[in-house]
Amino acid sequence: EKLLEIVITEIDTVSTRLLTTMETDVIPWFEGLNRHEEQLLNIFAPDLKSAAVRIVDHMKSRGRLARFTRHLWHETGPDKGCYQCTPVGLLMQRVAEAPM
């Protein structure tokens, strides 16, 4: 469970930094393009601007990862627990076994 808390904290930190970068650098860059630059961007990367806006909106509206992950953790007794979601349990087992 301690490893889970560390992972959640790091993911939240990275997500916050990514959201800040997207809001302060990427979205304003898209907004600053003129019509011809937008057309060229759409030729080589169709819907990139709308995808970036959707990512920002999703990251703003997401719930805290810690709350969601703790919901998946099911306590079965003192110092014991298991995941109600098998894929998450397998993922955390792989993370726990990874050399650090």
N, C-alpha and C. Protein backbone atom coordinates (compact mmCIF):
# COMPACT_ATOMS: atom_id res chain seq x y z
N GLU A 1 0.83 -1.19 0.00
CA GLU A 1 0.00 0.00 0.00
C GLU A 1 0.87 1.26 0.00
N LYS A 2 2.03 1.18 0.66
CA LYS A 2 2.94 2.33 0.67
C LYS A 2 3.47 2.61 -0.73
N LEU A 3 3.78 1.55 -1.45
CA LEU A 3 4.24 1.69 -2.83
C LEU A 3 3.15 2.34 -3.68
N LEU A 4 1.93 1.94 -3.45
CA LEU A 4 0.80 2.53 -4.17
C LEU A 4 0.71 4.03 -3.91
N GLU A 5 0.88 4.44 -2.67
CA GLU A 5 0.83 5.87 -2.33
C GLU A 5 1.94 6.65 -3.04
N ILE A 6 3.13 6.06 -3.11
CA ILE A 6 4.26 6.71 -3.79
C ILE A 6 3.96 6.87 -5.28
N VAL A 7 3.45 5.82 -5.90
CA VAL A 7 3.14 5.86 -7.33
C VAL A 7 2.06 6.90 -7.60
N ILE A 8 1.02 6.92 -6.78
CA ILE A 8 -0.07 7.88 -6.97
C ILE A 8 0.43 9.31 -6.85
N THR A 9 1.26 9.57 -5.87
CA THR A 9 1.81 10.91 -5.68
C THR A 9 2.62 11.34 -6.89
N GLU A 10 3.46 10.46 -7.40
CA GLU A 10 4.28 10.79 -8.57
C GLU A 10 3.42 11.02 -9.80
N ILE A 11 2.40 10.20 -10.00
CA ILE A 11 1.52 10.36 -11.16
C ILE A 11 0.79 11.69 -11.07
N ASP A 12 0.30 12.05 -9.89
CA ASP A 12 -0.38 13.33 -9.72
C ASP A 12 0.57 14.50 -10.00
N THR A 13 1.81 14.39 -9.57
CA THR A 13 2.79 15.44 -9.82
C THR A 13 3.04 15.62 -11.31
N VAL A 14 3.25 14.52 -12.00
CA VAL A 14 3.51 14.58 -13.44
C VAL A 14 2.28 15.10 -14.18
N SER A 15 1.10 14.67 -13.78
CA SER A 15 -0.13 15.13 -14.42
C SER A 15 -0.31 16.64 -14.26
N THR A 16 0.00 17.15 -13.09
CA THR A 16 -0.11 18.59 -12.85
C THR A 16 0.87 19.36 -13.72
N ARG A 17 2.09 18.86 -13.81
CA ARG A 17 3.09 19.53 -14.65
C ARG A 17 2.68 19.50 -16.12
N LEU A 18 2.15 18.37 -16.57
CA LEU A 18 1.70 18.24 -17.96
C LEU A 18 0.54 19.20 -18.25
N LEU A 19 -0.41 19.26 -17.34
CA LEU A 19 -1.54 20.17 -17.51
C LEU A 19 -1.08 21.62 -17.57
N THR A 20 -0.17 21.99 -16.70
CA THR A 20 0.36 23.35 -16.70
C THR A 20 1.05 23.69 -18.02
N THR A 21 1.85 22.77 -18.52
CA THR A 21 2.55 22.98 -19.79
C THR A 21 1.57 23.10 -20.95
N MET A 22 0.57 22.23 -20.95
CA MET A 22 -0.42 22.27 -22.02
C MET A 22 -1.17 23.60 -22.01
N GLU A 23 -1.54 24.08 -20.82
CA GLU A 23 -2.31 25.32 -20.71
C GLU A 23 -1.48 26.57 -21.00
N THR A 24 -0.22 26.55 -20.62
CA THR A 24 0.59 27.76 -20.76
C THR A 24 1.38 27.83 -22.06
N ASP A 25 1.69 26.69 -22.66
CA ASP A 25 2.53 26.69 -23.87
C ASP A 25 1.81 26.17 -25.11
N VAL A 26 1.22 24.99 -25.02
CA VAL A 26 0.69 24.32 -26.21
C VAL A 26 -0.59 24.99 -26.72
N ILE A 27 -1.57 25.16 -25.86
CA ILE A 27 -2.84 25.74 -26.30
C ILE A 27 -2.65 27.18 -26.80
N PRO A 28 -1.89 28.04 -26.10
CA PRO A 28 -1.65 29.38 -26.66
C PRO A 28 -0.93 29.34 -28.01
N TRP A 29 -0.06 28.35 -28.22
CA TRP A 29 0.62 28.24 -29.51
C TRP A 29 -0.39 27.94 -30.61
N PHE A 30 -1.32 27.02 -30.33
CA PHE A 30 -2.37 26.73 -31.30
C PHE A 30 -3.22 27.96 -31.59
N GLU A 31 -3.53 28.71 -30.54
CA GLU A 31 -4.37 29.91 -30.69
C GLU A 31 -3.66 30.99 -31.52
N GLY A 32 -2.34 31.00 -31.50
CA GLY A 32 -1.58 32.02 -32.21
C GLY A 32 -1.35 31.73 -33.69
N LEU A 33 -1.77 30.56 -34.16
CA LEU A 33 -1.56 30.22 -35.57
C LEU A 33 -2.50 31.03 -36.47
N ASN A 34 -1.98 31.45 -37.61
CA ASN A 34 -2.87 32.11 -38.57
C ASN A 34 -3.57 31.05 -39.41
N ARG A 35 -4.44 31.49 -40.31
CA ARG A 35 -5.27 30.56 -41.08
C ARG A 35 -4.43 29.61 -41.92
N HIS A 36 -3.39 30.12 -42.55
CA HIS A 36 -2.55 29.28 -43.42
C HIS A 36 -1.75 28.26 -42.60
N GLU A 37 -1.26 28.68 -41.46
CA GLU A 37 -0.53 27.74 -40.59
C GLU A 37 -1.46 26.65 -40.07
N GLU A 38 -2.70 27.01 -39.75
CA GLU A 38 -3.68 26.01 -39.31
C GLU A 38 -3.98 25.01 -40.41
N GLN A 39 -4.12 25.49 -41.64
CA GLN A 39 -4.37 24.59 -42.76
C GLN A 39 -3.21 23.62 -42.95
N LEU A 40 -2.00 24.12 -42.86
CA LEU A 40 -0.82 23.27 -43.00
C LEU A 40 -0.74 22.25 -41.87
N LEU A 41 -1.05 22.69 -40.65
CA LEU A 41 -1.07 21.77 -39.52
C LEU A 41 -2.11 20.68 -39.71
N ASN A 42 -3.28 21.05 -40.22
CA ASN A 42 -4.35 20.06 -40.45
C ASN A 42 -4.00 19.06 -41.54
N ILE A 43 -3.15 19.46 -42.48
CA ILE A 43 -2.71 18.53 -43.52
C ILE A 43 -1.81 17.45 -42.92
N PHE A 44 -0.86 17.88 -42.10
CA PHE A 44 0.13 16.93 -41.57
C PHE A 44 -0.30 16.27 -40.25
N ALA A 45 -1.14 16.95 -39.48
CA ALA A 45 -1.60 16.40 -38.20
C ALA A 45 -3.07 16.77 -38.00
N PRO A 46 -3.96 16.07 -38.71
CA PRO A 46 -5.37 16.42 -38.60
C PRO A 46 -5.89 16.27 -37.17
N ASP A 47 -6.69 17.24 -36.75
CA ASP A 47 -7.34 17.24 -35.43
C ASP A 47 -6.37 17.29 -34.25
N LEU A 48 -5.15 17.71 -34.46
CA LEU A 48 -4.20 17.81 -33.36
C LEU A 48 -4.64 18.86 -32.34
N LYS A 49 -5.11 19.99 -32.84
CA LYS A 49 -5.55 21.06 -31.95
C LYS A 49 -6.73 20.61 -31.09
N SER A 50 -7.72 19.99 -31.70
CA SER A 50 -8.89 19.55 -30.94
C SER A 50 -8.51 18.44 -29.96
N ALA A 51 -7.56 17.60 -30.33
CA ALA A 51 -7.11 16.55 -29.41
C ALA A 51 -6.42 17.15 -28.20
N ALA A 52 -5.62 18.18 -28.41
CA ALA A 52 -4.94 18.83 -27.29
C ALA A 52 -5.94 19.50 -26.36
N VAL A 53 -6.96 20.12 -26.92
CA VAL A 53 -8.00 20.75 -26.10
C VAL A 53 -8.77 19.70 -25.30
N ARG A 54 -9.08 18.57 -25.94
CA ARG A 54 -9.78 17.48 -25.23
C ARG A 54 -8.93 16.92 -24.10
N ILE A 55 -7.63 16.79 -24.32
CA ILE A 55 -6.74 16.30 -23.27
C ILE A 55 -6.74 17.24 -22.08
N VAL A 56 -6.65 18.53 -22.34
CA VAL A 56 -6.67 19.52 -21.26
C VAL A 56 -8.00 19.45 -20.50
N ASP A 57 -9.11 19.39 -21.23
CA ASP A 57 -10.42 19.30 -20.58
C ASP A 57 -10.54 18.04 -19.73
N HIS A 58 -10.04 16.93 -20.26
CA HIS A 58 -10.10 15.67 -19.52
C HIS A 58 -9.26 15.73 -18.25
N MET A 59 -8.07 16.30 -18.36
CA MET A 59 -7.19 16.38 -17.19
C MET A 59 -7.76 17.31 -16.13
N LYS A 60 -8.47 18.35 -16.55
CA LYS A 60 -9.09 19.26 -15.58
C LYS A 60 -10.25 18.59 -14.86
N SER A 61 -10.99 17.77 -15.56
CA SER A 61 -12.19 17.18 -14.97
C SER A 61 -11.94 15.85 -14.28
N ARG A 62 -10.76 15.31 -14.40
CA ARG A 62 -10.50 13.99 -13.80
C ARG A 62 -10.53 14.08 -12.28
N GLY A 63 -10.98 13.01 -11.68
CA GLY A 63 -10.95 12.94 -10.22
C GLY A 63 -9.55 12.61 -9.76
N ARG A 64 -9.31 12.76 -8.51
CA ARG A 64 -7.98 12.44 -8.01
C ARG A 64 -7.73 10.95 -8.15
N LEU A 65 -6.58 10.62 -8.69
CA LEU A 65 -6.22 9.23 -8.91
C LEU A 65 -6.15 8.46 -7.60
N ALA A 66 -5.70 9.10 -6.57
CA ALA A 66 -5.56 8.42 -5.28
C ALA A 66 -6.91 7.93 -4.78
N ARG A 67 -7.93 8.76 -4.87
CA ARG A 67 -9.25 8.37 -4.40
C ARG A 67 -9.78 7.18 -5.18
N PHE A 68 -9.59 7.20 -6.50
CA PHE A 68 -10.05 6.11 -7.35
C PHE A 68 -9.32 4.81 -7.04
N THR A 69 -8.00 4.89 -6.91
CA THR A 69 -7.20 3.69 -6.67
C THR A 69 -7.49 3.12 -5.29
N ARG A 70 -7.65 3.98 -4.30
CA ARG A 70 -7.99 3.49 -2.97
C ARG A 70 -9.33 2.78 -2.97
N HIS A 71 -10.23 3.23 -3.83
CA HIS A 71 -11.53 2.57 -3.95
C HIS A 71 -11.36 1.13 -4.44
N LEU A 72 -10.37 0.91 -5.31
CA LEU A 72 -10.13 -0.43 -5.83
C LEU A 72 -9.48 -1.35 -4.80
N TRP A 73 -8.83 -0.76 -3.78
CA TRP A 73 -8.15 -1.55 -2.76
C TRP A 73 -9.17 -2.02 -1.73
N HIS A 74 -9.13 -3.29 -1.44
CA HIS A 74 -10.09 -3.86 -0.51
C HIS A 74 -9.34 -4.44 0.68
N GLU A 75 -9.56 -3.89 1.85
CA GLU A 75 -8.88 -4.38 3.05
C GLU A 75 -9.52 -5.69 3.50
N THR A 76 -8.68 -6.68 3.78
CA THR A 76 -9.18 -7.96 4.26
C THR A 76 -8.74 -8.25 5.68
N GLY A 77 -8.03 -7.36 6.28
CA GLY A 77 -7.57 -7.56 7.64
C GLY A 77 -6.39 -6.66 7.92
N PRO A 78 -5.81 -6.79 9.12
CA PRO A 78 -4.66 -5.93 9.45
C PRO A 78 -3.46 -6.25 8.56
N ASP A 79 -2.93 -5.19 7.94
CA ASP A 79 -1.76 -5.29 7.06
C ASP A 79 -1.96 -6.24 5.89
N LYS A 80 -3.20 -6.49 5.54
CA LYS A 80 -3.47 -7.33 4.37
C LYS A 80 -4.46 -6.59 3.50
N GLY A 81 -4.41 -6.88 2.25
CA GLY A 81 -5.35 -6.26 1.34
C GLY A 81 -5.24 -6.90 -0.03
N CYS A 82 -6.21 -6.68 -0.84
CA CYS A 82 -6.17 -7.19 -2.20
C CYS A 82 -6.93 -6.21 -3.08
N TYR A 83 -6.70 -6.30 -4.36
CA TYR A 83 -7.38 -5.42 -5.30
C TYR A 83 -8.65 -6.09 -5.78
N GLN A 84 -9.72 -5.32 -5.84
CA GLN A 84 -10.97 -5.82 -6.38
C GLN A 84 -10.89 -5.92 -7.90
N CYS A 85 -10.00 -5.17 -8.49
CA CYS A 85 -9.81 -5.15 -9.95
C CYS A 85 -8.54 -5.94 -10.26
N THR A 86 -8.69 -7.09 -10.88
CA THR A 86 -7.56 -7.98 -11.14
C THR A 86 -6.46 -7.33 -11.98
N PRO A 87 -6.78 -6.59 -13.06
CA PRO A 87 -5.70 -5.96 -13.84
C PRO A 87 -4.87 -4.97 -13.01
N VAL A 88 -5.51 -4.22 -12.13
CA VAL A 88 -4.77 -3.28 -11.29
C VAL A 88 -3.88 -4.05 -10.32
N GLY A 89 -4.39 -5.14 -9.77
CA GLY A 89 -3.59 -5.97 -8.87
C GLY A 89 -2.37 -6.53 -9.56
N LEU A 90 -2.53 -7.01 -10.80
CA LEU A 90 -1.40 -7.54 -11.56
C LEU A 90 -0.39 -6.43 -11.87
N LEU A 91 -0.89 -5.25 -12.22
CA LEU A 91 0.00 -4.12 -12.49
C LEU A 91 0.81 -3.76 -11.25
N MET A 92 0.16 -3.66 -10.10
CA MET A 92 0.88 -3.30 -8.88
C MET A 92 1.87 -4.39 -8.47
N GLN A 93 1.55 -5.65 -8.74
CA GLN A 93 2.50 -6.72 -8.47
C GLN A 93 3.74 -6.56 -9.33
N ARG A 94 3.56 -6.21 -10.61
CA ARG A 94 4.71 -5.99 -11.50
C ARG A 94 5.53 -4.79 -11.05
N VAL A 95 4.86 -3.72 -10.59
CA VAL A 95 5.58 -2.54 -10.12
C VAL A 95 6.37 -2.89 -8.87
N ALA A 96 5.78 -3.67 -7.98
CA ALA A 96 6.46 -4.03 -6.74
C ALA A 96 7.68 -4.90 -7.00
N GLU A 97 7.64 -5.71 -8.06
CA GLU A 97 8.76 -6.61 -8.36
C GLU A 97 9.85 -5.93 -9.19
N ALA A 98 9.58 -4.75 -9.72
CA ALA A 98 10.56 -4.06 -10.56
C ALA A 98 11.76 -3.60 -9.73
N PRO A 99 12.96 -3.79 -10.28
CA PRO A 99 14.14 -3.31 -9.54
C PRO A 99 14.17 -1.79 -9.51
N MET A 100 14.51 -1.24 -8.37
CA MET A 100 14.55 0.22 -8.22
C MET A 100 15.92 0.67 -7.83
